[in-house]
Amino acid sequence: MRTRELERFKKILNEQKEQILKNLRETANELEALSSSEVNDEGDHASLSADNMIDSAISVQQSSELREIEAALGRIKDGSYGVCEMCTEQIGMDRLKVKPHAKFCIDCREIYEKEKH
């Protein structure tokens, strides 16, 4: 992969990282506000509980994506970015454009998903 392409992906990954960090901060603030809210009845409690579960699930997903982004930035740094971790072939440019933190090519991703379930 050319240096210009690597720099473009690095910029995209860093922008995504900053957005996720911002989202995580906002979610943490919302969870804190929810925990300090006064609950007047069972309906309020149920609503707060649902909001809390949704915010927590979003945080878990965002944290996972953040780890993937940081790993991709590490691969850029060590020169292995764009190489499938399973088959060691180049990950297609179209796939990287859609998911810049991809660690598997499309074929290996399908294998990984089948083995996971």
N, C-alpha and C. Protein backbone atom coordinates (compact mmCIF):
# COMPACT_ATOMS: atom_id res chain seq x y z
N MET A 1 0.85 -1.18 0.00
CA MET A 1 0.00 0.00 0.00
C MET A 1 0.89 1.24 0.00
N ARG A 2 0.49 2.19 -0.78
CA ARG A 2 1.28 3.42 -0.90
C ARG A 2 1.15 4.28 0.35
N THR A 3 2.17 5.09 0.55
CA THR A 3 2.23 5.98 1.73
C THR A 3 1.02 6.91 1.77
N ARG A 4 0.63 7.44 0.62
CA ARG A 4 -0.52 8.36 0.58
C ARG A 4 -1.80 7.67 1.04
N GLU A 5 -2.00 6.41 0.62
CA GLU A 5 -3.18 5.66 1.05
C GLU A 5 -3.14 5.39 2.55
N LEU A 6 -1.95 5.01 3.04
CA LEU A 6 -1.81 4.76 4.47
C LEU A 6 -2.13 6.01 5.29
N GLU A 7 -1.64 7.14 4.84
CA GLU A 7 -1.92 8.40 5.54
C GLU A 7 -3.41 8.72 5.53
N ARG A 8 -4.08 8.43 4.42
CA ARG A 8 -5.52 8.68 4.34
C ARG A 8 -6.27 7.79 5.33
N PHE A 9 -5.90 6.50 5.37
CA PHE A 9 -6.55 5.59 6.32
C PHE A 9 -6.24 5.96 7.76
N LYS A 10 -5.02 6.39 8.01
CA LYS A 10 -4.63 6.81 9.36
C LYS A 10 -5.49 8.00 9.80
N LYS A 11 -5.70 8.94 8.90
CA LYS A 11 -6.53 10.11 9.20
C LYS A 11 -7.97 9.69 9.50
N ILE A 12 -8.51 8.81 8.67
CA ILE A 12 -9.88 8.33 8.86
C ILE A 12 -10.01 7.61 10.20
N LEU A 13 -9.05 6.72 10.50
CA LEU A 13 -9.08 5.98 11.75
C LEU A 13 -8.98 6.91 12.96
N ASN A 14 -8.12 7.90 12.88
CA ASN A 14 -8.00 8.85 13.99
C ASN A 14 -9.27 9.66 14.18
N GLU A 15 -9.92 10.03 13.08
CA GLU A 15 -11.19 10.76 13.17
C GLU A 15 -12.26 9.88 13.81
N GLN A 16 -12.31 8.60 13.40
CA GLN A 16 -13.28 7.68 13.99
C GLN A 16 -12.99 7.49 15.48
N LYS A 17 -11.72 7.38 15.82
CA LYS A 17 -11.32 7.21 17.22
C LYS A 17 -11.79 8.40 18.06
N GLU A 18 -11.55 9.61 17.57
CA GLU A 18 -11.97 10.80 18.31
C GLU A 18 -13.49 10.85 18.47
N GLN A 19 -14.23 10.45 17.44
CA GLN A 19 -15.69 10.46 17.52
C GLN A 19 -16.18 9.46 18.56
N ILE A 20 -15.57 8.27 18.57
CA ILE A 20 -15.97 7.26 19.54
C ILE A 20 -15.63 7.72 20.96
N LEU A 21 -14.46 8.31 21.15
CA LEU A 21 -14.11 8.81 22.49
C LEU A 21 -15.11 9.87 22.94
N LYS A 22 -15.52 10.73 22.02
CA LYS A 22 -16.52 11.75 22.34
C LYS A 22 -17.84 11.08 22.72
N ASN A 23 -18.25 10.07 21.91
CA ASN A 23 -19.50 9.36 22.20
C ASN A 23 -19.44 8.68 23.56
N LEU A 24 -18.30 8.06 23.89
CA LEU A 24 -18.17 7.38 25.17
C LEU A 24 -18.25 8.37 26.34
N ARG A 25 -17.63 9.53 26.17
CA ARG A 25 -17.72 10.56 27.22
C ARG A 25 -19.16 11.01 27.41
N GLU A 26 -19.87 11.24 26.30
CA GLU A 26 -21.26 11.68 26.38
C GLU A 26 -22.13 10.61 27.02
N THR A 27 -21.91 9.35 26.66
CA THR A 27 -22.69 8.26 27.23
C THR A 27 -22.42 8.13 28.73
N ALA A 28 -21.16 8.26 29.11
CA ALA A 28 -20.82 8.21 30.55
C ALA A 28 -21.53 9.33 31.30
N ASN A 29 -21.57 10.51 30.71
CA ASN A 29 -22.26 11.64 31.35
C ASN A 29 -23.76 11.37 31.46
N GLU A 30 -24.35 10.75 30.41
CA GLU A 30 -25.77 10.43 30.45
C GLU A 30 -26.06 9.39 31.52
N LEU A 31 -25.20 8.37 31.61
CA LEU A 31 -25.39 7.33 32.64
C LEU A 31 -25.30 7.93 34.04
N GLU A 32 -24.36 8.86 34.20
CA GLU A 32 -24.22 9.52 35.50
C GLU A 32 -25.47 10.33 35.83
N ALA A 33 -25.98 11.04 34.83
CA ALA A 33 -27.19 11.83 35.04
C ALA A 33 -28.38 10.92 35.35
N LEU A 34 -28.47 9.79 34.66
CA LEU A 34 -29.57 8.86 34.92
C LEU A 34 -29.50 8.31 36.34
N SER A 35 -28.29 7.99 36.79
CA SER A 35 -28.16 7.40 38.12
C SER A 35 -28.49 8.40 39.22
N SER A 36 -28.37 9.68 38.92
CA SER A 36 -28.69 10.67 39.95
C SER A 36 -30.11 11.22 39.80
N SER A 37 -30.86 10.70 38.84
CA SER A 37 -32.24 11.14 38.63
C SER A 37 -33.14 10.60 39.74
N GLU A 38 -34.15 11.39 40.06
CA GLU A 38 -35.13 10.94 41.04
C GLU A 38 -36.14 10.06 40.33
N VAL A 39 -36.43 8.92 40.94
CA VAL A 39 -37.41 7.99 40.39
C VAL A 39 -38.67 8.09 41.22
N ASN A 40 -39.75 8.53 40.55
CA ASN A 40 -40.99 8.77 41.28
C ASN A 40 -41.93 7.57 41.30
N ASP A 41 -41.88 6.75 40.28
CA ASP A 41 -42.78 5.59 40.26
C ASP A 41 -42.15 4.46 39.45
N GLU A 42 -42.87 3.36 39.35
CA GLU A 42 -42.35 2.19 38.64
C GLU A 42 -42.13 2.47 37.15
N GLY A 43 -42.96 3.29 36.57
CA GLY A 43 -42.82 3.65 35.15
C GLY A 43 -41.52 4.40 34.91
N ASP A 44 -41.23 5.35 35.80
CA ASP A 44 -39.96 6.08 35.70
C ASP A 44 -38.77 5.14 35.87
N HIS A 45 -38.89 4.24 36.84
CA HIS A 45 -37.81 3.29 37.10
C HIS A 45 -37.57 2.39 35.87
N ALA A 46 -38.64 1.90 35.27
CA ALA A 46 -38.54 1.04 34.09
C ALA A 46 -37.90 1.80 32.93
N SER A 47 -38.32 3.04 32.75
CA SER A 47 -37.78 3.86 31.68
C SER A 47 -36.28 4.11 31.87
N LEU A 48 -35.89 4.47 33.11
CA LEU A 48 -34.48 4.70 33.41
C LEU A 48 -33.67 3.43 33.24
N SER A 49 -34.24 2.31 33.64
CA SER A 49 -33.55 1.03 33.50
C SER A 49 -33.30 0.71 32.03
N ALA A 50 -34.31 0.91 31.21
CA ALA A 50 -34.17 0.65 29.77
C ALA A 50 -33.14 1.57 29.15
N ASP A 51 -33.19 2.85 29.50
CA ASP A 51 -32.21 3.80 28.99
C ASP A 51 -30.80 3.41 29.40
N ASN A 52 -30.65 2.98 30.65
CA ASN A 52 -29.36 2.58 31.18
C ASN A 52 -28.82 1.36 30.42
N MET A 53 -29.69 0.39 30.15
CA MET A 53 -29.27 -0.82 29.42
C MET A 53 -28.85 -0.48 28.00
N ILE A 54 -29.59 0.40 27.35
CA ILE A 54 -29.27 0.80 25.98
C ILE A 54 -27.94 1.53 25.95
N ASP A 55 -27.77 2.50 26.84
CA ASP A 55 -26.51 3.25 26.89
C ASP A 55 -25.33 2.33 27.20
N SER A 56 -25.52 1.37 28.08
CA SER A 56 -24.45 0.43 28.41
C SER A 56 -24.09 -0.43 27.21
N ALA A 57 -25.08 -0.91 26.49
CA ALA A 57 -24.84 -1.73 25.30
C ALA A 57 -24.09 -0.93 24.23
N ILE A 58 -24.48 0.31 24.06
CA ILE A 58 -23.80 1.18 23.09
C ILE A 58 -22.34 1.38 23.51
N SER A 59 -22.11 1.59 24.79
CA SER A 59 -20.74 1.78 25.28
C SER A 59 -19.89 0.55 25.03
N VAL A 60 -20.44 -0.63 25.25
CA VAL A 60 -19.69 -1.87 25.02
C VAL A 60 -19.33 -1.99 23.54
N GLN A 61 -20.28 -1.72 22.66
CA GLN A 61 -20.03 -1.81 21.22
C GLN A 61 -19.00 -0.78 20.79
N GLN A 62 -19.12 0.43 21.29
CA GLN A 62 -18.20 1.50 20.92
C GLN A 62 -16.80 1.20 21.45
N SER A 63 -16.70 0.66 22.64
CA SER A 63 -15.40 0.30 23.21
C SER A 63 -14.72 -0.78 22.39
N SER A 64 -15.50 -1.73 21.92
CA SER A 64 -14.96 -2.80 21.07
C SER A 64 -14.44 -2.22 19.76
N GLU A 65 -15.22 -1.34 19.16
CA GLU A 65 -14.79 -0.71 17.91
C GLU A 65 -13.54 0.14 18.14
N LEU A 66 -13.46 0.81 19.27
CA LEU A 66 -12.29 1.62 19.60
C LEU A 66 -11.03 0.74 19.66
N ARG A 67 -11.15 -0.44 20.27
CA ARG A 67 -10.01 -1.36 20.33
C ARG A 67 -9.58 -1.80 18.93
N GLU A 68 -10.55 -2.05 18.06
CA GLU A 68 -10.25 -2.44 16.68
C GLU A 68 -9.54 -1.31 15.94
N ILE A 69 -9.98 -0.09 16.16
CA ILE A 69 -9.36 1.07 15.52
C ILE A 69 -7.93 1.26 16.03
N GLU A 70 -7.74 1.13 17.34
CA GLU A 70 -6.39 1.27 17.88
C GLU A 70 -5.46 0.18 17.36
N ALA A 71 -5.99 -1.04 17.20
CA ALA A 71 -5.19 -2.13 16.63
C ALA A 71 -4.82 -1.82 15.18
N ALA A 72 -5.76 -1.26 14.42
CA ALA A 72 -5.48 -0.90 13.02
C ALA A 72 -4.41 0.19 12.95
N LEU A 73 -4.48 1.16 13.85
CA LEU A 73 -3.44 2.20 13.89
C LEU A 73 -2.08 1.58 14.22
N GLY A 74 -2.08 0.58 15.09
CA GLY A 74 -0.84 -0.14 15.39
C GLY A 74 -0.30 -0.88 14.18
N ARG A 75 -1.21 -1.45 13.38
CA ARG A 75 -0.78 -2.15 12.15
C ARG A 75 -0.21 -1.16 11.14
N ILE A 76 -0.76 0.04 11.09
CA ILE A 76 -0.19 1.07 10.21
C ILE A 76 1.24 1.36 10.66
N LYS A 77 1.40 1.50 11.96
CA LYS A 77 2.71 1.84 12.52
C LYS A 77 3.74 0.74 12.27
N ASP A 78 3.32 -0.53 12.40
CA ASP A 78 4.29 -1.62 12.24
C ASP A 78 4.39 -2.15 10.81
N GLY A 79 3.62 -1.56 9.90
CA GLY A 79 3.73 -1.92 8.49
C GLY A 79 2.90 -3.10 8.04
N SER A 80 2.00 -3.59 8.91
CA SER A 80 1.18 -4.75 8.52
C SER A 80 -0.26 -4.38 8.17
N TYR A 81 -0.55 -3.10 8.08
CA TYR A 81 -1.92 -2.66 7.77
C TYR A 81 -2.32 -3.12 6.38
N GLY A 82 -3.56 -3.58 6.28
CA GLY A 82 -4.09 -4.00 4.98
C GLY A 82 -3.80 -5.45 4.65
N VAL A 83 -3.19 -6.18 5.58
CA VAL A 83 -2.89 -7.60 5.39
C VAL A 83 -3.83 -8.40 6.28
N CYS A 84 -4.51 -9.39 5.70
CA CYS A 84 -5.44 -10.23 6.44
C CYS A 84 -4.67 -11.02 7.50
N GLU A 85 -5.17 -11.00 8.73
CA GLU A 85 -4.52 -11.70 9.83
C GLU A 85 -4.68 -13.21 9.74
N MET A 86 -5.61 -13.68 8.89
CA MET A 86 -5.83 -15.12 8.78
C MET A 86 -5.06 -15.72 7.62
N CYS A 87 -5.20 -15.15 6.43
CA CYS A 87 -4.58 -15.75 5.24
C CYS A 87 -3.32 -15.00 4.78
N THR A 88 -3.05 -13.87 5.36
CA THR A 88 -1.91 -12.98 5.06
C THR A 88 -1.93 -12.41 3.64
N GLU A 89 -3.07 -12.45 2.98
CA GLU A 89 -3.24 -11.79 1.69
C GLU A 89 -3.67 -10.34 1.93
N GLN A 90 -3.53 -9.51 0.91
CA GLN A 90 -3.96 -8.12 1.02
C GLN A 90 -5.48 -8.04 1.17
N ILE A 91 -5.93 -7.20 2.07
CA ILE A 91 -7.37 -6.92 2.20
C ILE A 91 -7.73 -5.96 1.08
N GLY A 92 -8.83 -6.24 0.40
CA GLY A 92 -9.24 -5.41 -0.72
C GLY A 92 -9.46 -3.96 -0.32
N MET A 93 -9.09 -3.07 -1.22
CA MET A 93 -9.23 -1.64 -0.97
C MET A 93 -10.69 -1.26 -0.72
N ASP A 94 -11.62 -1.90 -1.46
CA ASP A 94 -13.04 -1.60 -1.25
C ASP A 94 -13.47 -1.94 0.18
N ARG A 95 -12.96 -3.05 0.70
CA ARG A 95 -13.30 -3.44 2.08
C ARG A 95 -12.73 -2.44 3.07
N LEU A 96 -11.49 -2.02 2.86
CA LEU A 96 -10.86 -1.06 3.77
C LEU A 96 -11.57 0.29 3.72
N LYS A 97 -12.08 0.65 2.55
CA LYS A 97 -12.81 1.92 2.46
C LYS A 97 -14.08 1.88 3.29
N VAL A 98 -14.72 0.71 3.32
CA VAL A 98 -15.96 0.55 4.09
C VAL A 98 -15.67 0.37 5.58
N LYS A 99 -14.62 -0.42 5.87
CA LYS A 99 -14.26 -0.71 7.26
C LYS A 99 -12.75 -0.59 7.39
N PRO A 100 -12.26 0.63 7.62
CA PRO A 100 -10.81 0.84 7.65
C PRO A 100 -10.08 0.08 8.75
N HIS A 101 -10.80 -0.39 9.76
CA HIS A 101 -10.15 -1.16 10.82
C HIS A 101 -10.30 -2.67 10.62
N ALA A 102 -10.66 -3.09 9.40
CA ALA A 102 -10.80 -4.52 9.11
C ALA A 102 -9.47 -5.24 9.31
N LYS A 103 -9.55 -6.42 9.93
CA LYS A 103 -8.33 -7.21 10.10
C LYS A 103 -8.37 -8.49 9.29
N PHE A 104 -9.52 -8.75 8.64
CA PHE A 104 -9.65 -9.91 7.78
C PHE A 104 -10.15 -9.49 6.40
N CYS A 105 -9.74 -10.24 5.38
CA CYS A 105 -10.33 -10.06 4.05
C CYS A 105 -11.77 -10.58 4.11
N ILE A 106 -12.53 -10.37 3.07
CA ILE A 106 -13.95 -10.76 3.09
C ILE A 106 -14.10 -12.27 3.27
N ASP A 107 -13.32 -13.07 2.53
CA ASP A 107 -13.44 -14.52 2.64
C ASP A 107 -13.12 -15.01 4.05
N CYS A 108 -12.05 -14.53 4.62
CA CYS A 108 -11.66 -14.96 5.96
C CYS A 108 -12.63 -14.43 7.02
N ARG A 109 -13.22 -13.29 6.79
CA ARG A 109 -14.21 -12.75 7.73
C ARG A 109 -15.41 -13.69 7.81
N GLU A 110 -15.83 -14.22 6.65
CA GLU A 110 -16.95 -15.16 6.63
C GLU A 110 -16.59 -16.42 7.40
N ILE A 111 -15.38 -16.94 7.21
CA ILE A 111 -14.92 -18.12 7.93
C ILE A 111 -14.90 -17.83 9.44
N TYR A 112 -14.37 -16.68 9.81
CA TYR A 112 -14.29 -16.29 11.21
C TYR A 112 -15.68 -16.22 11.84
N GLU A 113 -16.62 -15.62 11.14
CA GLU A 113 -17.99 -15.49 11.66
C GLU A 113 -18.64 -16.86 11.82
N LYS A 114 -18.44 -17.77 10.87
CA LYS A 114 -19.04 -19.11 10.97
C LYS A 114 -18.44 -19.86 12.14
N GLU A 115 -17.13 -19.73 12.37
CA GLU A 115 -16.49 -20.43 13.48
C GLU A 115 -16.90 -19.85 14.83
N LYS A 116 -17.19 -18.55 14.84
CA LYS A 116 -17.57 -17.87 16.06
C LYS A 116 -18.94 -18.35 16.56
N HIS A 117 -19.80 -18.72 15.65
CA HIS A 117 -21.18 -19.12 16.02
C HIS A 117 -21.29 -20.57 16.00
